[in-house]
Amino acid sequence: MLLHGYCCGVSGDFPRLSFAQFAAAAVMVNSLCQILLGPALGWFLDLTGNDYGSTFLVGSMIGGMTLLAGVVLLRSRSPLEQS
């Protein structure tokens, strides 16, 4: 988590003036996702008959959604913000 915050600050992902506000929002979203993912994954495992190999499918789907969100975010930036 500390490395993620450091990288966001160094790479300029968050605006300098409101870095703390954006970082706090990122931590809240991350915490909410962690709280919801555990029970959801447990329900999914019950549904598949405890087939733990299917968790790789869920992990790859989450990774794919993250990659897609990153691409959309990078494409939505204006050229002035990229420099």
PDB file of N, CA and C in Angstrom:
ATOM      1  N   MET A   1       0.816  -1.178   0.000  1.00  0.00           N
ATOM      2  CA  MET A   1       0.000   0.000   0.000  1.00  0.00           C
ATOM      3  C   MET A   1       0.870   1.255   0.000  1.00  0.00           C
ATOM      4  N   LEU A   2       1.931   1.215   0.763  1.00  0.00           N
ATOM      5  CA  LEU A   2       2.826   2.370   0.776  1.00  0.00           C
ATOM      6  C   LEU A   2       3.500   2.568  -0.569  1.00  0.00           C
ATOM      7  N   LEU A   3       3.882   1.455  -1.199  1.00  0.00           N
ATOM      8  CA  LEU A   3       4.515   1.549  -2.511  1.00  0.00           C
ATOM      9  C   LEU A   3       3.544   2.127  -3.530  1.00  0.00           C
ATOM     10  N   HIS A   4       2.282   1.713  -3.457  1.00  0.00           N
ATOM     11  CA  HIS A   4       1.281   2.242  -4.378  1.00  0.00           C
ATOM     12  C   HIS A   4       1.118   3.749  -4.194  1.00  0.00           C
ATOM     13  N   GLY A   5       1.044   4.196  -2.948  1.00  0.00           N
ATOM     14  CA  GLY A   5       0.927   5.630  -2.694  1.00  0.00           C
ATOM     15  C   GLY A   5       2.131   6.405  -3.183  1.00  0.00           C
ATOM     16  N   TYR A   6       3.301   5.841  -2.988  1.00  0.00           N
ATOM     17  CA  TYR A   6       4.533   6.486  -3.448  1.00  0.00           C
ATOM     18  C   TYR A   6       4.543   6.594  -4.978  1.00  0.00           C
ATOM     19  N   CYS A   7       4.172   5.508  -5.647  1.00  0.00           N
ATOM     20  CA  CYS A   7       4.181   5.504  -7.110  1.00  0.00           C
ATOM     21  C   CYS A   7       3.161   6.490  -7.673  1.00  0.00           C
ATOM     22  N   CYS A   8       2.000   6.599  -7.049  1.00  0.00           N
ATOM     23  CA  CYS A   8       0.994   7.560  -7.511  1.00  0.00           C
ATOM     24  C   CYS A   8       1.503   8.984  -7.364  1.00  0.00           C
ATOM     25  N   GLY A   9       2.231   9.251  -6.290  1.00  0.00           N
ATOM     26  CA  GLY A   9       2.756  10.596  -6.086  1.00  0.00           C
ATOM     27  C   GLY A   9       3.885  10.933  -7.030  1.00  0.00           C
ATOM     28  N   VAL A  10       4.771   9.977  -7.279  1.00  0.00           N
ATOM     29  CA  VAL A  10       5.937  10.211  -8.132  1.00  0.00           C
ATOM     30  C   VAL A  10       5.543  10.297  -9.597  1.00  0.00           C
ATOM     31  N   SER A  11       4.640   9.400 -10.028  1.00  0.00           N
ATOM     32  CA  SER A  11       4.302   9.357 -11.449  1.00  0.00           C
ATOM     33  C   SER A  11       3.325  10.454 -11.845  1.00  0.00           C
ATOM     34  N   GLY A  12       2.741  11.141 -10.886  1.00  0.00           N
ATOM     35  CA  GLY A  12       1.824  12.220 -11.204  1.00  0.00           C
ATOM     36  C   GLY A  12       0.411  11.743 -11.487  1.00  0.00           C
ATOM     37  N   ASP A  13       0.047  10.568 -10.996  1.00  0.00           N
ATOM     38  CA  ASP A  13      -1.312  10.082 -11.210  1.00  0.00           C
ATOM     39  C   ASP A  13      -2.333  10.936 -10.486  1.00  0.00           C
ATOM     40  N   PHE A  14      -1.963  11.467  -9.330  1.00  0.00           N
ATOM     41  CA  PHE A  14      -2.852  12.319  -8.550  1.00  0.00           C
ATOM     42  C   PHE A  14      -2.344  13.754  -8.628  1.00  0.00           C
ATOM     43  N   PRO A  15      -3.255  14.728  -8.671  1.00  0.00           N
ATOM     44  CA  PRO A  15      -2.815  16.133  -8.652  1.00  0.00           C
ATOM     45  C   PRO A  15      -2.093  16.461  -7.355  1.00  0.00           C
ATOM     46  N   ARG A  16      -1.068  17.265  -7.432  1.00  0.00           N
ATOM     47  CA  ARG A  16      -0.249  17.571  -6.254  1.00  0.00           C
ATOM     48  C   ARG A  16      -1.035  18.278  -5.153  1.00  0.00           C
ATOM     49  N   LEU A  17      -1.905  19.194  -5.530  1.00  0.00           N
ATOM     50  CA  LEU A  17      -2.597  19.990  -4.517  1.00  0.00           C
ATOM     51  C   LEU A  17      -3.612  19.177  -3.720  1.00  0.00           C
ATOM     52  N   SER A  18      -4.170  18.159  -4.334  1.00  0.00           N
ATOM     53  CA  SER A  18      -5.185  17.365  -3.630  1.00  0.00           C
ATOM     54  C   SER A  18      -4.777  15.888  -3.549  1.00  0.00           C
ATOM     55  N   PHE A  19      -3.466  15.648  -3.420  1.00  0.00           N
ATOM     56  CA  PHE A  19      -2.966  14.275  -3.368  1.00  0.00           C
ATOM     57  C   PHE A  19      -3.561  13.508  -2.192  1.00  0.00           C
ATOM     58  N   ALA A  20      -3.601  14.113  -1.024  1.00  0.00           N
ATOM     59  CA  ALA A  20      -4.104  13.416   0.167  1.00  0.00           C
ATOM     60  C   ALA A  20      -5.568  13.045   0.004  1.00  0.00           C
ATOM     61  N   GLN A  21      -6.341  13.921  -0.598  1.00  0.00           N
ATOM     62  CA  GLN A  21      -7.760  13.632  -0.805  1.00  0.00           C
ATOM     63  C   GLN A  21      -7.934  12.446  -1.752  1.00  0.00           C
ATOM     64  N   PHE A  22      -7.209  12.428  -2.858  1.00  0.00           N
ATOM     65  CA  PHE A  22      -7.323  11.325  -3.806  1.00  0.00           C
ATOM     66  C   PHE A  22      -6.753  10.034  -3.228  1.00  0.00           C
ATOM     67  N   ALA A  23      -5.673  10.122  -2.491  1.00  0.00           N
ATOM     68  CA  ALA A  23      -5.089   8.929  -1.883  1.00  0.00           C
ATOM     69  C   ALA A  23      -6.038   8.330  -0.850  1.00  0.00           C
ATOM     70  N   ALA A  24      -6.702   9.177  -0.060  1.00  0.00           N
ATOM     71  CA  ALA A  24      -7.670   8.679   0.923  1.00  0.00           C
ATOM     72  C   ALA A  24      -8.855   8.026   0.223  1.00  0.00           C
ATOM     73  N   ALA A  25      -9.312   8.599  -0.869  1.00  0.00           N
ATOM     74  CA  ALA A  25     -10.413   7.994  -1.622  1.00  0.00           C
ATOM     75  C   ALA A  25      -9.993   6.643  -2.199  1.00  0.00           C
ATOM     76  N   ALA A  26      -8.753   6.541  -2.668  1.00  0.00           N
ATOM     77  CA  ALA A  26      -8.256   5.268  -3.203  1.00  0.00           C
ATOM     78  C   ALA A  26      -8.194   4.209  -2.110  1.00  0.00           C
ATOM     79  N   VAL A  27      -7.782   4.595  -0.916  1.00  0.00           N
ATOM     80  CA  VAL A  27      -7.723   3.644   0.198  1.00  0.00           C
ATOM     81  C   VAL A  27      -9.125   3.192   0.589  1.00  0.00           C
ATOM     82  N   MET A  28     -10.092   4.103   0.576  1.00  0.00           N
ATOM     83  CA  MET A  28     -11.465   3.719   0.919  1.00  0.00           C
ATOM     84  C   MET A  28     -12.050   2.750  -0.103  1.00  0.00           C
ATOM     85  N   VAL A  29     -11.807   2.994  -1.376  1.00  0.00           N
ATOM     86  CA  VAL A  29     -12.304   2.093  -2.416  1.00  0.00           C
ATOM     87  C   VAL A  29     -11.615   0.739  -2.296  1.00  0.00           C
ATOM     88  N   ASN A  30     -10.319   0.739  -2.036  1.00  0.00           N
ATOM     89  CA  ASN A  30      -9.572  -0.505  -1.867  1.00  0.00           C
ATOM     90  C   ASN A  30     -10.106  -1.298  -0.678  1.00  0.00           C
ATOM     91  N   SER A  31     -10.370  -0.640   0.428  1.00  0.00           N
ATOM     92  CA  SER A  31     -10.888  -1.320   1.612  1.00  0.00           C
ATOM     93  C   SER A  31     -12.264  -1.900   1.353  1.00  0.00           C
ATOM     94  N   LEU A  32     -13.114  -1.153   0.689  1.00  0.00           N
ATOM     95  CA  LEU A  32     -14.452  -1.644   0.372  1.00  0.00           C
ATOM     96  C   LEU A  32     -14.377  -2.879  -0.529  1.00  0.00           C
ATOM     97  N   CYS A  33     -13.486  -2.839  -1.513  1.00  0.00           N
ATOM     98  CA  CYS A  33     -13.329  -3.992  -2.406  1.00  0.00           C
ATOM     99  C   CYS A  33     -12.820  -5.213  -1.644  1.00  0.00           C
ATOM    100  N   GLN A  34     -11.896  -5.022  -0.721  1.00  0.00           N
ATOM    101  CA  GLN A  34     -11.394  -6.150   0.060  1.00  0.00           C
ATOM    102  C   GLN A  34     -12.470  -6.725   0.968  1.00  0.00           C
ATOM    103  N   ILE A  35     -13.310  -5.863   1.536  1.00  0.00           N
ATOM    104  CA  ILE A  35     -14.383  -6.332   2.409  1.00  0.00           C
ATOM    105  C   ILE A  35     -15.406  -7.144   1.610  1.00  0.00           C
ATOM    106  N   LEU A  36     -15.733  -6.696   0.416  1.00  0.00           N
ATOM    107  CA  LEU A  36     -16.748  -7.365  -0.385  1.00  0.00           C
ATOM    108  C   LEU A  36     -16.225  -8.592  -1.125  1.00  0.00           C
ATOM    109  N   LEU A  37     -14.937  -8.603  -1.455  1.00  0.00           N
ATOM    110  CA  LEU A  37     -14.399  -9.695  -2.257  1.00  0.00           C
ATOM    111  C   LEU A  37     -14.342 -11.018  -1.491  1.00  0.00           C
ATOM    112  N   GLY A  38     -14.037 -10.982  -0.205  1.00  0.00           N
ATOM    113  CA  GLY A  38     -13.946 -12.217   0.576  1.00  0.00           C
ATOM    114  C   GLY A  38     -15.237 -13.006   0.600  1.00  0.00           C
ATOM    115  N   PRO A  39     -16.342 -12.400   1.055  1.00  0.00           N
ATOM    116  CA  PRO A  39     -17.608 -13.138   1.037  1.00  0.00           C
ATOM    117  C   PRO A  39     -18.086 -13.508  -0.369  1.00  0.00           C
ATOM    118  N   ALA A  40     -17.842 -12.629  -1.340  1.00  0.00           N
ATOM    119  CA  ALA A  40     -18.259 -12.938  -2.710  1.00  0.00           C
ATOM    120  C   ALA A  40     -17.490 -14.140  -3.258  1.00  0.00           C
ATOM    121  N   LEU A  41     -16.206 -14.198  -2.962  1.00  0.00           N
ATOM    122  CA  LEU A  41     -15.407 -15.336  -3.422  1.00  0.00           C
ATOM    123  C   LEU A  41     -15.797 -16.613  -2.689  1.00  0.00           C
ATOM    124  N   GLY A  42     -16.149 -16.508  -1.404  1.00  0.00           N
ATOM    125  CA  GLY A  42     -16.630 -17.667  -0.668  1.00  0.00           C
ATOM    126  C   GLY A  42     -17.930 -18.193  -1.241  1.00  0.00           C
ATOM    127  N   TRP A  43     -18.840 -17.287  -1.598  1.00  0.00           N
ATOM    128  CA  TRP A  43     -20.094 -17.692  -2.228  1.00  0.00           C
ATOM    129  C   TRP A  43     -19.814 -18.366  -3.569  1.00  0.00           C
ATOM    130  N   PHE A  44     -18.880 -17.803  -4.335  1.00  0.00           N
ATOM    131  CA  PHE A  44     -18.528 -18.382  -5.636  1.00  0.00           C
ATOM    132  C   PHE A  44     -17.930 -19.779  -5.466  1.00  0.00           C
ATOM    133  N   LEU A  45     -17.094 -19.961  -4.450  1.00  0.00           N
ATOM    134  CA  LEU A  45     -16.518 -21.285  -4.194  1.00  0.00           C
ATOM    135  C   LEU A  45     -17.599 -22.283  -3.796  1.00  0.00           C
ATOM    136  N   ASP A  46     -18.561 -21.867  -2.999  1.00  0.00           N
ATOM    137  CA  ASP A  46     -19.681 -22.746  -2.645  1.00  0.00           C
ATOM    138  C   ASP A  46     -20.486 -23.119  -3.881  1.00  0.00           C
ATOM    139  N   LEU A  47     -20.655 -22.163  -4.765  1.00  0.00           N
ATOM    140  CA  LEU A  47     -21.423 -22.388  -5.988  1.00  0.00           C
ATOM    141  C   LEU A  47     -20.730 -23.384  -6.912  1.00  0.00           C
ATOM    142  N   THR A  48     -19.398 -23.351  -6.957  1.00  0.00           N
ATOM    143  CA  THR A  48     -18.642 -24.248  -7.851  1.00  0.00           C
ATOM    144  C   THR A  48     -18.255 -25.556  -7.180  1.00  0.00           C
ATOM    145  N   GLY A  49     -18.732 -25.794  -5.953  1.00  0.00           N
ATOM    146  CA  GLY A  49     -18.392 -27.040  -5.268  1.00  0.00           C
ATOM    147  C   GLY A  49     -16.964 -27.057  -4.759  1.00  0.00           C
ATOM    148  N   ASN A  50     -16.489 -25.940  -4.255  1.00  0.00           N
ATOM    149  CA  ASN A  50     -15.128 -25.792  -3.718  1.00  0.00           C
ATOM    150  C   ASN A  50     -14.050 -26.118  -4.739  1.00  0.00           C
ATOM    151  N   ASP A  51     -14.258 -25.699  -5.961  1.00  0.00           N
ATOM    152  CA  ASP A  51     -13.245 -25.839  -7.009  1.00  0.00           C
ATOM    153  C   ASP A  51     -12.317 -24.632  -6.929  1.00  0.00           C
ATOM    154  N   TYR A  52     -11.236 -24.789  -6.188  1.00  0.00           N
ATOM    155  CA  TYR A  52     -10.339 -23.659  -5.935  1.00  0.00           C
ATOM    156  C   TYR A  52      -9.591 -23.202  -7.180  1.00  0.00           C
ATOM    157  N   GLY A  53      -9.544 -24.020  -8.194  1.00  0.00           N
ATOM    158  CA  GLY A  53      -8.927 -23.598  -9.447  1.00  0.00           C
ATOM    159  C   GLY A  53      -9.704 -22.481 -10.118  1.00  0.00           C
ATOM    160  N   SER A  54     -10.992 -22.388  -9.798  1.00  0.00           N
ATOM    161  CA  SER A  54     -11.808 -21.331 -10.403  1.00  0.00           C
ATOM    162  C   SER A  54     -11.464 -19.947  -9.847  1.00  0.00           C
ATOM    163  N   THR A  55     -10.749 -19.909  -8.732  1.00  0.00           N
ATOM    164  CA  THR A  55     -10.337 -18.601  -8.213  1.00  0.00           C
ATOM    165  C   THR A  55      -9.342 -17.921  -9.161  1.00  0.00           C
ATOM    166  N   PHE A  56      -8.620 -18.718  -9.957  1.00  0.00           N
ATOM    167  CA  PHE A  56      -7.728 -18.125 -10.954  1.00  0.00           C
ATOM    168  C   PHE A  56      -8.534 -17.414 -12.026  1.00  0.00           C
ATOM    169  N   LEU A  57      -9.708 -17.971 -12.351  1.00  0.00           N
ATOM    170  CA  LEU A  57     -10.591 -17.315 -13.308  1.00  0.00           C
ATOM    171  C   LEU A  57     -11.068 -15.975 -12.763  1.00  0.00           C
ATOM    172  N   VAL A  58     -11.472 -15.951 -11.503  1.00  0.00           N
ATOM    173  CA  VAL A  58     -11.924 -14.705 -10.883  1.00  0.00           C
ATOM    174  C   VAL A  58     -10.768 -13.700 -10.829  1.00  0.00           C
ATOM    175  N   GLY A  59      -9.589 -14.158 -10.461  1.00  0.00           N
ATOM    176  CA  GLY A  59      -8.425 -13.268 -10.406  1.00  0.00           C
ATOM    177  C   GLY A  59      -8.072 -12.688 -11.763  1.00  0.00           C
ATOM    178  N   SER A  60      -8.164 -13.510 -12.808  1.00  0.00           N
ATOM    179  CA  SER A  60      -7.854 -13.000 -14.147  1.00  0.00           C
ATOM    180  C   SER A  60      -8.923 -12.028 -14.628  1.00  0.00           C
ATOM    181  N   MET A  61     -10.174 -12.266 -14.227  1.00  0.00           N
ATOM    182  CA  MET A  61     -11.232 -11.317 -14.589  1.00  0.00           C
ATOM    183  C   MET A  61     -11.024  -9.976 -13.891  1.00  0.00           C
ATOM    184  N   ILE A  62     -10.643  -9.996 -12.628  1.00  0.00           N
ATOM    185  CA  ILE A  62     -10.371  -8.753 -11.901  1.00  0.00           C
ATOM    186  C   ILE A  62      -9.163  -8.039 -12.511  1.00  0.00           C
ATOM    187  N   GLY A  63      -8.129  -8.793 -12.854  1.00  0.00           N
ATOM    188  CA  GLY A  63      -6.960  -8.198 -13.502  1.00  0.00           C
ATOM    189  C   GLY A  63      -7.301  -7.587 -14.852  1.00  0.00           C
ATOM    190  N   GLY A  64      -8.142  -8.261 -15.616  1.00  0.00           N
ATOM    191  CA  GLY A  64      -8.561  -7.727 -16.911  1.00  0.00           C
ATOM    192  C   GLY A  64      -9.370  -6.450 -16.776  1.00  0.00           C
ATOM    193  N   MET A  65     -10.268  -6.419 -15.777  1.00  0.00           N
ATOM    194  CA  MET A  65     -11.045  -5.202 -15.544  1.00  0.00           C
ATOM    195  C   MET A  65     -10.139  -4.056 -15.108  1.00  0.00           C
ATOM    196  N   THR A  66      -9.114  -4.363 -14.312  1.00  0.00           N
ATOM    197  CA  THR A  66      -8.166  -3.341 -13.878  1.00  0.00           C
ATOM    198  C   THR A  66      -7.380  -2.791 -15.063  1.00  0.00           C
ATOM    199  N   LEU A  67      -6.942  -3.685 -15.938  1.00  0.00           N
ATOM    200  CA  LEU A  67      -6.212  -3.257 -17.128  1.00  0.00           C
ATOM    201  C   LEU A  67      -7.089  -2.394 -18.026  1.00  0.00           C
ATOM    202  N   LEU A  68      -8.334  -2.807 -18.208  1.00  0.00           N
ATOM    203  CA  LEU A  68      -9.258  -2.029 -19.029  1.00  0.00           C
ATOM    204  C   LEU A  68      -9.510  -0.651 -18.426  1.00  0.00           C
ATOM    205  N   ALA A  69      -9.683  -0.586 -17.112  1.00  0.00           N
ATOM    206  CA  ALA A  69      -9.900   0.707 -16.454  1.00  0.00           C
ATOM    207  C   ALA A  69      -8.668   1.601 -16.606  1.00  0.00           C
ATOM    208  N   GLY A  70      -7.474   1.026 -16.524  1.00  0.00           N
ATOM    209  CA  GLY A  70      -6.254   1.804 -16.704  1.00  0.00           C
ATOM    210  C   GLY A  70      -6.127   2.363 -18.108  1.00  0.00           C
ATOM    211  N   VAL A  71      -6.477   1.552 -19.096  1.00  0.00           N
ATOM    212  CA  VAL A  71      -6.413   2.024 -20.489  1.00  0.00           C
ATOM    213  C   VAL A  71      -7.420   3.149 -20.712  1.00  0.00           C
ATOM    214  N   VAL A  72      -8.639   2.990 -20.191  1.00  0.00           N
ATOM    215  CA  VAL A  72      -9.654   4.037 -20.335  1.00  0.00           C
ATOM    216  C   VAL A  72      -9.185   5.316 -19.646  1.00  0.00           C
ATOM    217  N   LEU A  73      -8.600   5.183 -18.458  1.00  0.00           N
ATOM    218  CA  LEU A  73      -8.111   6.360 -17.741  1.00  0.00           C
ATOM    219  C   LEU A  73      -6.999   7.069 -18.503  1.00  0.00           C
ATOM    220  N   LEU A  74      -6.061   6.318 -19.048  1.00  0.00           N
ATOM    221  CA  LEU A  74      -4.967   6.945 -19.787  1.00  0.00           C
ATOM    222  C   LEU A  74      -5.445   7.609 -21.071  1.00  0.00           C
ATOM    223  N   ARG A  75      -6.436   7.021 -21.714  1.00  0.00           N
ATOM    224  CA  ARG A  75      -6.960   7.625 -22.953  1.00  0.00           C
ATOM    225  C   ARG A  75      -7.807   8.859 -22.677  1.00  0.00           C
ATOM    226  N   SER A  76      -8.365   8.956 -21.467  1.00  0.00           N
ATOM    227  CA  SER A  76      -9.233  10.095 -21.166  1.00  0.00           C
ATOM    228  C   SER A  76      -8.459  11.339 -20.757  1.00  0.00           C
ATOM    229  N   ARG A  77      -7.167  11.201 -20.497  1.00  0.00           N
ATOM    230  CA  ARG A  77      -6.357  12.358 -20.108  1.00  0.00           C
ATOM    231  C   ARG A  77      -6.133  13.269 -21.306  1.00  0.00           C
ATOM    232  N   SER A  78      -6.185  14.554 -21.074  1.00  0.00           N
ATOM    233  CA  SER A  78      -5.902  15.488 -22.160  1.00  0.00           C
ATOM    234  C   SER A  78      -4.386  15.565 -22.376  1.00  0.00           C
ATOM    235  N   PRO A  79      -3.958  15.986 -23.555  1.00  0.00           N
ATOM    236  CA  PRO A  79      -2.505  16.070 -23.818  1.00  0.00           C
ATOM    237  C   PRO A  79      -1.777  17.002 -22.855  1.00  0.00           C
ATOM    238  N   LEU A  80      -2.433  18.033 -22.343  1.00  0.00           N
ATOM    239  CA  LEU A  80      -1.773  18.943 -21.413  1.00  0.00           C
ATOM    240  C   LEU A  80      -1.485  18.268 -20.080  1.00  0.00           C
ATOM    241  N   GLU A  81      -2.362  17.353 -19.649  1.00  0.00           N
ATOM    242  CA  GLU A  81      -2.155  16.675 -18.375  1.00  0.00           C
ATOM    243  C   GLU A  81      -1.066  15.619 -18.456  1.00  0.00           C
ATOM    244  N   GLN A  82      -0.772  15.110 -19.646  1.00  0.00           N
ATOM    245  CA  GLN A  82       0.208  14.040 -19.791  1.00  0.00           C
ATOM    246  C   GLN A  82       1.637  14.532 -19.671  1.00  0.00           C
ATOM    247  N   SER A  83       1.881  15.793 -19.914  1.00  0.00           N
ATOM    248  CA  SER A  83       3.264  16.292 -19.850  1.00  0.00           C
ATOM    249  C   SER A  83       3.675  16.654 -18.453  1.00  0.00           C
TER     250      SER A  83
END
